[in-house]
PDB file of N, CA and C in Angstrom:
ATOM      1  N   GLU A   1       3.122  -1.035 -35.479  1.00  0.00           N
ATOM      2  CA  GLU A   1       3.836  -0.583 -36.666  1.00  0.00           C
ATOM      3  C   GLU A   1       3.319   0.780 -37.138  1.00  0.00           C
ATOM      4  N   SER A   2       1.996   0.971 -37.062  1.00  0.00           N
ATOM      5  CA  SER A   2       1.433   2.249 -37.510  1.00  0.00           C
ATOM      6  C   SER A   2       1.830   3.390 -36.564  1.00  0.00           C
ATOM      7  N   MET A   3       1.959   3.094 -35.276  1.00  0.00           N
ATOM      8  CA  MET A   3       2.367   4.134 -34.324  1.00  0.00           C
ATOM      9  C   MET A   3       3.848   4.478 -34.516  1.00  0.00           C
ATOM     10  N   TYR A   4       4.642   3.484 -34.871  1.00  0.00           N
ATOM     11  CA  TYR A   4       6.047   3.747 -35.177  1.00  0.00           C
ATOM     12  C   TYR A   4       6.132   4.685 -36.374  1.00  0.00           C
ATOM     13  N   ALA A   5       5.317   4.435 -37.388  1.00  0.00           N
ATOM     14  CA  ALA A   5       5.283   5.296 -38.574  1.00  0.00           C
ATOM     15  C   ALA A   5       4.801   6.698 -38.202  1.00  0.00           C
ATOM     16  N   ALA A   6       3.815   6.786 -37.308  1.00  0.00           N
ATOM     17  CA  ALA A   6       3.320   8.093 -36.861  1.00  0.00           C
ATOM     18  C   ALA A   6       4.413   8.848 -36.107  1.00  0.00           C
ATOM     19  N   ALA A   7       5.210   8.130 -35.326  1.00  0.00           N
ATOM     20  CA  ALA A   7       6.316   8.758 -34.598  1.00  0.00           C
ATOM     21  C   ALA A   7       7.357   9.297 -35.584  1.00  0.00           C
ATOM     22  N   LEU A   8       7.683   8.517 -36.594  1.00  0.00           N
ATOM     23  CA  LEU A   8       8.642   8.969 -37.610  1.00  0.00           C
ATOM     24  C   LEU A   8       8.112  10.190 -38.355  1.00  0.00           C
ATOM     25  N   GLU A   9       6.816  10.178 -38.659  1.00  0.00           N
ATOM     26  CA  GLU A   9       6.193  11.300 -39.348  1.00  0.00           C
ATOM     27  C   GLU A   9       6.244  12.565 -38.480  1.00  0.00           C
ATOM     28  N   TYR A  10       5.943  12.403 -37.195  1.00  0.00           N
ATOM     29  CA  TYR A  10       5.987  13.548 -36.279  1.00  0.00           C
ATOM     30  C   TYR A  10       7.411  14.097 -36.193  1.00  0.00           C
ATOM     31  N   ARG A  11       8.381  13.193 -36.081  1.00  0.00           N
ATOM     32  CA  ARG A  11       9.786  13.618 -35.973  1.00  0.00           C
ATOM     33  C   ARG A  11      10.233  14.357 -37.237  1.00  0.00           C
ATOM     34  N   ALA A  12       9.811  13.893 -38.396  1.00  0.00           N
ATOM     35  CA  ALA A  12      10.165  14.548 -39.653  1.00  0.00           C
ATOM     36  C   ALA A  12       9.581  15.962 -39.716  1.00  0.00           C
ATOM     37  N   ALA A  13       8.379  16.118 -39.177  1.00  0.00           N
ATOM     38  CA  ALA A  13       7.722  17.420 -39.218  1.00  0.00           C
ATOM     39  C   ALA A  13       8.238  18.390 -38.157  1.00  0.00           C
ATOM     40  N   HIS A  14       8.628  17.868 -36.986  1.00  0.00           N
ATOM     41  CA  HIS A  14       8.991  18.731 -35.849  1.00  0.00           C
ATOM     42  C   HIS A  14      10.452  18.637 -35.427  1.00  0.00           C
ATOM     43  N   GLY A  15      11.182  17.683 -35.965  1.00  0.00           N
ATOM     44  CA  GLY A  15      12.593  17.553 -35.635  1.00  0.00           C
ATOM     45  C   GLY A  15      12.886  16.829 -34.342  1.00  0.00           C
ATOM     46  N   ASN A  16      11.856  16.378 -33.646  1.00  0.00           N
ATOM     47  CA  ASN A  16      12.049  15.651 -32.391  1.00  0.00           C
ATOM     48  C   ASN A  16      10.805  14.827 -32.100  1.00  0.00           C
ATOM     49  N   LEU A  17      10.849  14.083 -31.005  1.00  0.00           N
ATOM     50  CA  LEU A  17       9.693  13.306 -30.580  1.00  0.00           C
ATOM     51  C   LEU A  17       9.153  13.818 -29.248  1.00  0.00           C
ATOM     52  N   ASP A  18       9.325  15.110 -28.994  1.00  0.00           N
ATOM     53  CA  ASP A  18       8.771  15.734 -27.793  1.00  0.00           C
ATOM     54  C   ASP A  18       7.325  16.108 -28.089  1.00  0.00           C
ATOM     55  N   VAL A  19       6.473  15.111 -28.135  1.00  0.00           N
ATOM     56  CA  VAL A  19       5.084  15.293 -28.541  1.00  0.00           C
ATOM     57  C   VAL A  19       4.293  15.911 -27.386  1.00  0.00           C
ATOM     58  N   PRO A  20       3.629  17.050 -27.635  1.00  0.00           N
ATOM     59  CA  PRO A  20       2.838  17.654 -26.567  1.00  0.00           C
ATOM     60  C   PRO A  20       1.634  16.787 -26.224  1.00  0.00           C
ATOM     61  N   ASP A  21       1.290  16.782 -24.957  1.00  0.00           N
ATOM     62  CA  ASP A  21       0.181  15.959 -24.482  1.00  0.00           C
ATOM     63  C   ASP A  21      -1.144  16.653 -24.778  1.00  0.00           C
ATOM     64  N   LEU A  22      -1.474  16.718 -26.058  1.00  0.00           N
ATOM     65  CA  LEU A  22      -2.713  17.344 -26.520  1.00  0.00           C
ATOM     66  C   LEU A  22      -3.620  16.267 -27.097  1.00  0.00           C
ATOM     67  N   GLU A  23      -4.902  16.579 -27.150  1.00  0.00           N
ATOM     68  CA  GLU A  23      -5.873  15.601 -27.635  1.00  0.00           C
ATOM     69  C   GLU A  23      -5.558  15.125 -29.050  1.00  0.00           C
ATOM     70  N   GLU A  24      -5.066  16.026 -29.895  1.00  0.00           N
ATOM     71  CA  GLU A  24      -4.774  15.640 -31.279  1.00  0.00           C
ATOM     72  C   GLU A  24      -3.645  14.626 -31.394  1.00  0.00           C
ATOM     73  N   HIS A  25      -2.797  14.545 -30.374  1.00  0.00           N
ATOM     74  CA  HIS A  25      -1.682  13.597 -30.371  1.00  0.00           C
ATOM     75  C   HIS A  25      -1.852  12.515 -29.310  1.00  0.00           C
ATOM     76  N   ALA A  26      -3.056  12.345 -28.790  1.00  0.00           N
ATOM     77  CA  ALA A  26      -3.287  11.461 -27.646  1.00  0.00           C
ATOM     78  C   ALA A  26      -2.768  10.042 -27.862  1.00  0.00           C
ATOM     79  N   GLU A  27      -3.046   9.465 -29.008  1.00  0.00           N
ATOM     80  CA  GLU A  27      -2.617   8.085 -29.263  1.00  0.00           C
ATOM     81  C   GLU A  27      -1.098   7.971 -29.338  1.00  0.00           C
ATOM     82  N   LEU A  28      -0.462   8.943 -29.979  1.00  0.00           N
ATOM     83  CA  LEU A  28       0.998   8.922 -30.098  1.00  0.00           C
ATOM     84  C   LEU A  28       1.648   9.108 -28.728  1.00  0.00           C
ATOM     85  N   VAL A  29       1.126  10.018 -27.936  1.00  0.00           N
ATOM     86  CA  VAL A  29       1.651  10.240 -26.580  1.00  0.00           C
ATOM     87  C   VAL A  29       1.519   8.971 -25.751  1.00  0.00           C
ATOM     88  N   LYS A  30       0.370   8.331 -25.832  1.00  0.00           N
ATOM     89  CA  LYS A  30       0.130   7.083 -25.101  1.00  0.00           C
ATOM     90  C   LYS A  30       1.124   6.004 -25.538  1.00  0.00           C
ATOM     91  N   TRP A  31       1.358   5.897 -26.835  1.00  0.00           N
ATOM     92  CA  TRP A  31       2.282   4.896 -27.366  1.00  0.00           C
ATOM     93  C   TRP A  31       3.714   5.171 -26.892  1.00  0.00           C
ATOM     94  N   ILE A  32       4.114   6.449 -26.911  1.00  0.00           N
ATOM     95  CA  ILE A  32       5.466   6.810 -26.480  1.00  0.00           C
ATOM     96  C   ILE A  32       5.656   6.489 -25.000  1.00  0.00           C
ATOM     97  N   LYS A  33       4.677   6.823 -24.181  1.00  0.00           N
ATOM     98  CA  LYS A  33       4.767   6.498 -22.746  1.00  0.00           C
ATOM     99  C   LYS A  33       4.861   4.994 -22.541  1.00  0.00           C
ATOM    100  N   TYR A  34       4.097   4.247 -23.313  1.00  0.00           N
ATOM    101  CA  TYR A  34       4.132   2.792 -23.224  1.00  0.00           C
ATOM    102  C   TYR A  34       5.520   2.260 -23.586  1.00  0.00           C
ATOM    103  N   GLN A  35       6.120   2.809 -24.633  1.00  0.00           N
ATOM    104  CA  GLN A  35       7.456   2.372 -25.043  1.00  0.00           C
ATOM    105  C   GLN A  35       8.470   2.624 -23.935  1.00  0.00           C
ATOM    106  N   ARG A  36       8.362   3.780 -23.292  1.00  0.00           N
ATOM    107  CA  ARG A  36       9.296   4.102 -22.198  1.00  0.00           C
ATOM    108  C   ARG A  36       9.116   3.134 -21.026  1.00  0.00           C
ATOM    109  N   THR A  37       7.868   2.832 -20.700  1.00  0.00           N
ATOM    110  CA  THR A  37       7.599   1.883 -19.611  1.00  0.00           C
ATOM    111  C   THR A  37       8.149   0.506 -19.950  1.00  0.00           C
ATOM    112  N   GLN A  38       7.888   0.055 -21.162  1.00  0.00           N
ATOM    113  CA  GLN A  38       8.385  -1.251 -21.587  1.00  0.00           C
ATOM    114  C   GLN A  38       9.913  -1.295 -21.581  1.00  0.00           C
ATOM    115  N   TYR A  39      10.536  -0.185 -21.966  1.00  0.00           N
ATOM    116  CA  TYR A  39      12.000  -0.116 -21.965  1.00  0.00           C
ATOM    117  C   TYR A  39      12.532  -0.223 -20.544  1.00  0.00           C
ATOM    118  N   ARG A  40      11.873   0.439 -19.588  1.00  0.00           N
ATOM    119  CA  ARG A  40      12.304   0.353 -18.189  1.00  0.00           C
ATOM    120  C   ARG A  40      12.224  -1.095 -17.696  1.00  0.00           C
ATOM    121  N   TYR A  41      11.132  -1.777 -18.027  1.00  0.00           N
ATOM    122  CA  TYR A  41      11.008  -3.188 -17.653  1.00  0.00           C
ATOM    123  C   TYR A  41      12.075  -4.033 -18.350  1.00  0.00           C
ATOM    124  N   TYR A  42      12.368  -3.709 -19.590  1.00  0.00           N
ATOM    125  CA  TYR A  42      13.393  -4.421 -20.358  1.00  0.00           C
ATOM    126  C   TYR A  42      14.755  -4.278 -19.691  1.00  0.00           C
ATOM    127  N   LEU A  43      15.063  -3.068 -19.228  1.00  0.00           N
ATOM    128  CA  LEU A  43      16.349  -2.847 -18.563  1.00  0.00           C
ATOM    129  C   LEU A  43      16.444  -3.618 -17.256  1.00  0.00           C
ATOM    130  N   GLU A  44      15.338  -3.708 -16.539  1.00  0.00           N
ATOM    131  CA  GLU A  44      15.326  -4.433 -15.269  1.00  0.00           C
ATOM    132  C   GLU A  44      15.555  -5.924 -15.470  1.00  0.00           C
ATOM    133  N   ASP A  45      14.969  -6.486 -16.524  1.00  0.00           N
ATOM    134  CA  ASP A  45      15.069  -7.923 -16.771  1.00  0.00           C
ATOM    135  C   ASP A  45      14.872  -8.197 -18.263  1.00  0.00           C
ATOM    136  N   PRO A  46      15.961  -8.144 -19.058  1.00  0.00           N
ATOM    137  CA  PRO A  46      15.838  -8.298 -20.516  1.00  0.00           C
ATOM    138  C   PRO A  46      15.137  -9.580 -20.962  1.00  0.00           C
ATOM    139  N   MET A  47      15.244 -10.635 -20.206  1.00  0.00           N
ATOM    140  CA  MET A  47      14.633 -11.903 -20.613  1.00  0.00           C
ATOM    141  C   MET A  47      13.285 -12.132 -19.934  1.00  0.00           C
ATOM    142  N   GLY A  48      12.857 -11.177 -19.115  1.00  0.00           N
ATOM    143  CA  GLY A  48      11.611 -11.337 -18.362  1.00  0.00           C
ATOM    144  C   GLY A  48      10.377 -11.258 -19.234  1.00  0.00           C
ATOM    145  N   GLY A  49       9.274 -11.714 -18.685  1.00  0.00           N
ATOM    146  CA  GLY A  49       8.028 -11.728 -19.431  1.00  0.00           C
ATOM    147  C   GLY A  49       7.146 -10.526 -19.154  1.00  0.00           C
ATOM    148  N   ARG A  50       7.653  -9.546 -18.419  1.00  0.00           N
ATOM    149  CA  ARG A  50       6.850  -8.381 -18.037  1.00  0.00           C
ATOM    150  C   ARG A  50       6.798  -7.319 -19.137  1.00  0.00           C
ATOM    151  N   HIS A  51       7.556  -7.491 -20.188  1.00  0.00           N
ATOM    152  CA  HIS A  51       7.639  -6.473 -21.237  1.00  0.00           C
ATOM    153  C   HIS A  51       7.567  -7.110 -22.618  1.00  0.00           C
ATOM    154  N   SER A  52       7.346  -6.246 -23.599  1.00  0.00           N
ATOM    155  CA  SER A  52       7.294  -6.730 -24.978  1.00  0.00           C
ATOM    156  C   SER A  52       8.475  -6.216 -25.796  1.00  0.00           C
ATOM    157  N   GLN A  53       9.448  -5.596 -25.137  1.00  0.00           N
ATOM    158  CA  GLN A  53      10.598  -5.041 -25.854  1.00  0.00           C
ATOM    159  C   GLN A  53      11.590  -6.142 -26.205  1.00  0.00           C
ATOM    160  N   THR A  54      12.248  -5.923 -27.308  1.00  0.00           N
ATOM    161  CA  THR A  54      13.360  -6.775 -27.709  1.00  0.00           C
ATOM    162  C   THR A  54      14.517  -5.839 -28.033  1.00  0.00           C
ATOM    163  N   GLU A  55      15.694  -6.385 -28.111  1.00  0.00           N
ATOM    164  CA  GLU A  55      16.854  -5.569 -28.462  1.00  0.00           C
ATOM    165  C   GLU A  55      16.649  -4.915 -29.829  1.00  0.00           C
ATOM    166  N   GLU A  56      16.041  -5.650 -30.727  1.00  0.00           N
ATOM    167  CA  GLU A  56      15.779  -5.124 -32.074  1.00  0.00           C
ATOM    168  C   GLU A  56      14.844  -3.909 -32.023  1.00  0.00           C
ATOM    169  N   LYS A  57      13.768  -4.005 -31.239  1.00  0.00           N
ATOM    170  CA  LYS A  57      12.833  -2.890 -31.110  1.00  0.00           C
ATOM    171  C   LYS A  57      13.510  -1.676 -30.478  1.00  0.00           C
ATOM    172  N   VAL A  58      14.298  -1.926 -29.438  1.00  0.00           N
ATOM    173  CA  VAL A  58      14.996  -0.836 -28.753  1.00  0.00           C
ATOM    174  C   VAL A  58      15.932  -0.126 -29.725  1.00  0.00           C
ATOM    175  N   ASN A  59      16.708  -0.877 -30.476  1.00  0.00           N
ATOM    176  CA  ASN A  59      17.641  -0.280 -31.433  1.00  0.00           C
ATOM    177  C   ASN A  59      16.909   0.479 -32.530  1.00  0.00           C
ATOM    178  N   ARG A  60      15.800  -0.053 -32.968  1.00  0.00           N
ATOM    179  CA  ARG A  60      15.012   0.616 -34.001  1.00  0.00           C
ATOM    180  C   ARG A  60      14.485   1.964 -33.498  1.00  0.00           C
ATOM    181  N   LEU A  61      14.019   1.997 -32.271  1.00  0.00           N
ATOM    182  CA  LEU A  61      13.533   3.248 -31.687  1.00  0.00           C
ATOM    183  C   LEU A  61      14.682   4.237 -31.478  1.00  0.00           C
ATOM    184  N   LYS A  62      15.826   3.734 -31.049  1.00  0.00           N
ATOM    185  CA  LYS A  62      16.991   4.616 -30.869  1.00  0.00           C
ATOM    186  C   LYS A  62      17.405   5.241 -32.197  1.00  0.00           C
ATOM    187  N   GLU A  63      17.422   4.438 -33.251  1.00  0.00           N
ATOM    188  CA  GLU A  63      17.788   4.943 -34.579  1.00  0.00           C
ATOM    189  C   GLU A  63      16.801   6.006 -35.071  1.00  0.00           C
ATOM    190  N   ALA A  64      15.560   5.906 -34.623  1.00  0.00           N
ATOM    191  CA  ALA A  64      14.536   6.873 -35.016  1.00  0.00           C
ATOM    192  C   ALA A  64      14.634   8.160 -34.195  1.00  0.00           C
ATOM    193  N   GLY A  65      15.555   8.188 -33.229  1.00  0.00           N
ATOM    194  CA  GLY A  65      15.723   9.380 -32.406  1.00  0.00           C
ATOM    195  C   GLY A  65      14.876   9.388 -31.152  1.00  0.00           C
ATOM    196  N   PHE A  66      14.407   8.229 -30.756  1.00  0.00           N
ATOM    197  CA  PHE A  66      13.583   8.117 -29.559  1.00  0.00           C
ATOM    198  C   PHE A  66      14.419   8.400 -28.328  1.00  0.00           C
ATOM    199  N   GLU A  67      13.901   9.232 -27.438  1.00  0.00           N
ATOM    200  CA  GLU A  67      14.596   9.529 -26.184  1.00  0.00           C
ATOM    201  C   GLU A  67      13.903   8.787 -25.060  1.00  0.00           C
ATOM    202  N   TRP A  68      14.691   8.076 -24.275  1.00  0.00           N
ATOM    203  CA  TRP A  68      14.126   7.257 -23.210  1.00  0.00           C
ATOM    204  C   TRP A  68      13.885   8.063 -21.950  1.00  0.00           C
ATOM    205  N   ILE A  69      14.638   9.144 -21.781  1.00  0.00           N
ATOM    206  CA  ILE A  69      14.481  10.006 -20.613  1.00  0.00           C
ATOM    207  C   ILE A  69      13.983  11.352 -21.109  1.00  0.00           C
ATOM    208  N   VAL A  70      12.888  11.832 -20.535  1.00  0.00           N
ATOM    209  CA  VAL A  70      12.279  13.076 -20.991  1.00  0.00           C
ATOM    210  C   VAL A  70      12.808  14.279 -20.221  1.00  0.00           C
ATOM    211  N   GLY A  71      12.454  15.478 -20.706  1.00  0.00           N
ATOM    212  CA  GLY A  71      12.982  16.747 -20.209  1.00  0.00           C
ATOM    213  C   GLY A  71      13.011  16.925 -18.707  1.00  0.00           C
ATOM    214  N   ASP A  72      11.881  16.721 -18.019  1.00  0.00           N
ATOM    215  CA  ASP A  72      11.846  16.935 -16.576  1.00  0.00           C
ATOM    216  C   ASP A  72      12.819  16.014 -15.867  1.00  0.00           C
ATOM    217  N   LYS A  73      12.856  14.768 -16.273  1.00  0.00           N
ATOM    218  CA  LYS A  73      13.766  13.800 -15.658  1.00  0.00           C
ATOM    219  C   LYS A  73      15.219  14.157 -15.981  1.00  0.00           C
ATOM    220  N   LYS A  74      15.481  14.639 -17.207  1.00  0.00           N
ATOM    221  CA  LYS A  74      16.836  15.051 -17.570  1.00  0.00           C
ATOM    222  C   LYS A  74      17.306  16.190 -16.681  1.00  0.00           C
ATOM    223  N   ARG A  75      16.435  17.184 -16.474  1.00  0.00           N
ATOM    224  CA  ARG A  75      16.803  18.311 -15.603  1.00  0.00           C
ATOM    225  C   ARG A  75      17.068  17.826 -14.191  1.00  0.00           C
ATOM    226  N   TRP A  76      16.220  16.929 -13.697  1.00  0.00           N
ATOM    227  CA  TRP A  76      16.375  16.414 -12.345  1.00  0.00           C
ATOM    228  C   TRP A  76      17.699  15.660 -12.218  1.00  0.00           C
ATOM    229  N   LEU A  77      18.040  14.858 -13.222  1.00  0.00           N
ATOM    230  CA  LEU A  77      19.294  14.109 -13.186  1.00  0.00           C
ATOM    231  C   LEU A  77      20.504  15.030 -13.301  1.00  0.00           C
ATOM    232  N   ALA A  78      20.360  16.136 -14.043  1.00  0.00           N
ATOM    233  CA  ALA A  78      21.468  17.069 -14.225  1.00  0.00           C
ATOM    234  C   ALA A  78      21.773  17.825 -12.932  1.00  0.00           C
ATOM    235  N   GLU A  79      20.749  18.015 -12.117  1.00  0.00           N
ATOM    236  CA  GLU A  79      20.958  18.680 -10.832  1.00  0.00           C
ATOM    237  C   GLU A  79      21.478  17.647  -9.846  1.00  0.00           C
ATOM    238  N   ASP A  80      22.017  18.138  -8.758  1.00  0.00           N
ATOM    239  CA  ASP A  80      22.477  17.219  -7.717  1.00  0.00           C
ATOM    240  C   ASP A  80      21.292  16.903  -6.816  1.00  0.00           C
ATOM    241  N   ASN A  81      20.602  15.843  -7.098  1.00  0.00           N
ATOM    242  CA  ASN A  81      19.427  15.471  -6.328  1.00  0.00           C
ATOM    243  C   ASN A  81      19.686  14.275  -5.429  1.00  0.00           C
ATOM    244  N   THR A  82      20.929  14.105  -5.040  1.00  0.00           N
ATOM    245  CA  THR A  82      21.246  12.963  -4.197  1.00  0.00           C
ATOM    246  C   THR A  82      21.374  13.344  -2.734  1.00  0.00           C
ATOM    247  N   SER A  83      21.367  14.655  -2.441  1.00  0.00           N
ATOM    248  CA  SER A  83      21.484  15.059  -1.045  1.00  0.00           C
ATOM    249  C   SER A  83      20.558  16.229  -0.752  1.00  0.00           C
ATOM    250  N   ASN A  84      20.259  16.388   0.522  1.00  0.00           N
ATOM    251  CA  ASN A  84      19.434  17.505   0.971  1.00  0.00           C
ATOM    252  C   ASN A  84      20.269  18.777   0.985  1.00  0.00           C
ATOM    253  N   ARG A  85      19.608  19.904   1.218  1.00  0.00           N
ATOM    254  CA  ARG A  85      20.326  21.186   1.237  1.00  0.00           C
ATOM    255  C   ARG A  85      21.423  21.228   2.283  1.00  0.00           C
ATOM    256  N   ASP A  86      21.232  20.508   3.381  1.00  0.00           N
ATOM    257  CA  ASP A  86      22.248  20.518   4.435  1.00  0.00           C
ATOM    258  C   ASP A  86      23.358  19.497   4.193  1.00  0.00           C
ATOM    259  N   GLY A  87      23.303  18.786   3.053  1.00  0.00           N
ATOM    260  CA  GLY A  87      24.360  17.846   2.702  1.00  0.00           C
ATOM    261  C   GLY A  87      24.098  16.419   3.128  1.00  0.00           C
ATOM    262  N   THR A  88      23.058  16.194   3.917  1.00  0.00           N
ATOM    263  CA  THR A  88      22.753  14.827   4.343  1.00  0.00           C
ATOM    264  C   THR A  88      22.120  14.069   3.181  1.00  0.00           C
ATOM    265  N   PRO A  89      22.380  12.775   3.072  1.00  0.00           N
ATOM    266  CA  PRO A  89      21.816  12.006   1.954  1.00  0.00           C
ATOM    267  C   PRO A  89      20.290  11.958   2.028  1.00  0.00           C
ATOM    268  N   LYS A  90      19.665  12.009   0.861  1.00  0.00           N
ATOM    269  CA  LYS A  90      18.211  11.902   0.814  1.00  0.00           C
ATOM    270  C   LYS A  90      17.810  10.470   1.120  1.00  0.00           C
ATOM    271  N   ARG A  91      16.668  10.351   1.794  1.00  0.00           N
ATOM    272  CA  ARG A  91      16.116   9.031   2.059  1.00  0.00           C
ATOM    273  C   ARG A  91      15.451   8.506   0.806  1.00  0.00           C
ATOM    274  N   LYS A  92      15.420   7.214   0.697  1.00  0.00           N
ATOM    275  CA  LYS A  92      14.708   6.606  -0.416  1.00  0.00           C
ATOM    276  C   LYS A  92      13.222   6.835  -0.218  1.00  0.00           C
ATOM    277  N   ARG A  93      12.519   6.893  -1.337  1.00  0.00           N
ATOM    278  CA  ARG A  93      11.071   7.067  -1.249  1.00  0.00           C
ATOM    279  C   ARG A  93      10.435   5.816  -0.681  1.00  0.00           C
ATOM    280  N   GLY A  94       9.291   5.998  -0.156  1.00  0.00           N
ATOM    281  CA  GLY A  94       8.566   4.868   0.408  1.00  0.00           C
ATOM    282  C   GLY A  94       7.904   5.290   1.697  1.00  0.00           C
ATOM    283  N   ARG A  95       7.455   4.329   2.403  1.00  0.00           N
ATOM    284  CA  ARG A  95       6.784   4.624   3.660  1.00  0.00           C
ATOM    285  C   ARG A  95       7.783   5.141   4.673  1.00  0.00           C
ATOM    286  N   PRO A  96       7.388   6.140   5.453  1.00  0.00           N
ATOM    287  CA  PRO A  96       8.310   6.637   6.469  1.00  0.00           C
ATOM    288  C   PRO A  96       8.562   5.574   7.526  1.00  0.00           C
ATOM    289  N   ARG A  97       9.705   5.631   8.096  1.00  0.00           N
ATOM    290  CA  ARG A  97      10.045   4.677   9.150  1.00  0.00           C
ATOM    291  C   ARG A  97       9.200   4.954  10.375  1.00  0.00           C
ATOM    292  N   LYS A  98       8.811   3.891  11.017  1.00  0.00           N
ATOM    293  CA  LYS A  98       8.072   4.049  12.261  1.00  0.00           C
ATOM    294  C   LYS A  98       9.085   4.175  13.387  1.00  0.00           C
ATOM    295  N   SER A  99       8.861   5.148  14.219  1.00  0.00           N
ATOM    296  CA  SER A  99       9.782   5.288  15.341  1.00  0.00           C
ATOM    297  C   SER A  99       9.374   4.310  16.427  1.00  0.00           C
ATOM    298  N   ALA A 100      10.324   3.896  17.182  1.00  0.00           N
ATOM    299  CA  ALA A 100      10.051   2.961  18.270  1.00  0.00           C
ATOM    300  C   ALA A 100       9.223   3.665  19.334  1.00  0.00           C
ATOM    301  N   PRO A 101       8.284   2.973  19.922  1.00  0.00           N
ATOM    302  CA  PRO A 101       7.464   3.603  20.960  1.00  0.00           C
ATOM    303  C   PRO A 101       8.341   3.993  22.151  1.00  0.00           C
ATOM    304  N   ALA A 102       7.943   5.084  22.775  1.00  0.00           N
ATOM    305  CA  ALA A 102       8.689   5.549  23.950  1.00  0.00           C
ATOM    306  C   ALA A 102       8.541   4.500  25.060  1.00  0.00           C
ATOM    307  N   ARG A 103       9.628   4.223  25.708  1.00  0.00           N
ATOM    308  CA  ARG A 103       9.588   3.239  26.791  1.00  0.00           C
ATOM    309  C   ARG A 103       9.319   3.935  28.113  1.00  0.00           C
ATOM    310  N   MET A 104       8.476   3.337  28.848  1.00  0.00           N
ATOM    311  CA  MET A 104       8.158   3.903  30.144  1.00  0.00           C
ATOM    312  C   MET A 104       9.067   3.288  31.201  1.00  0.00           C
ATOM    313  N   LYS A 105       9.490   4.147  32.097  1.00  0.00           N
ATOM    314  CA  LYS A 105      10.330   3.622  33.184  1.00  0.00           C
ATOM    315  C   LYS A 105       9.444   2.920  34.216  1.00  0.00           C
ATOM    316  N   THR A 106       9.897   1.776  34.601  1.00  0.00           N
ATOM    317  CA  THR A 106       9.176   1.054  35.659  1.00  0.00           C
ATOM    318  C   THR A 106      10.079   1.002  36.877  1.00  0.00           C
ATOM    319  N   GLU A 107       9.471   1.197  37.994  1.00  0.00           N
ATOM    320  CA  GLU A 107      10.297   1.207  39.218  1.00  0.00           C
ATOM    321  C   GLU A 107      10.075  -0.003  40.035  1.00  0.00           C
TER     322      GLU A 107
END
């Protein structure tokens, strides 16, 4: 509750919740990142036990002007990041595929 009040206070003073990652705002930045993580888990499974978000909390944060997607991610989403420069679809992240071992010819 106190961090929510700190977020509202910051927004009133600066007009947004784009809190710089500075030592003086460390706790607020940590809380905001936590809220975003919890929201992502909430979206994946609203009834799951992996998060502490509720619809009420989400709506309250939205009303306060909370942004769930931050600047860098917004820019990335605004660009066409679904294909490579040559037009081929980008591969999903993860471990690279292992190529099949070369087969030796037997005579």
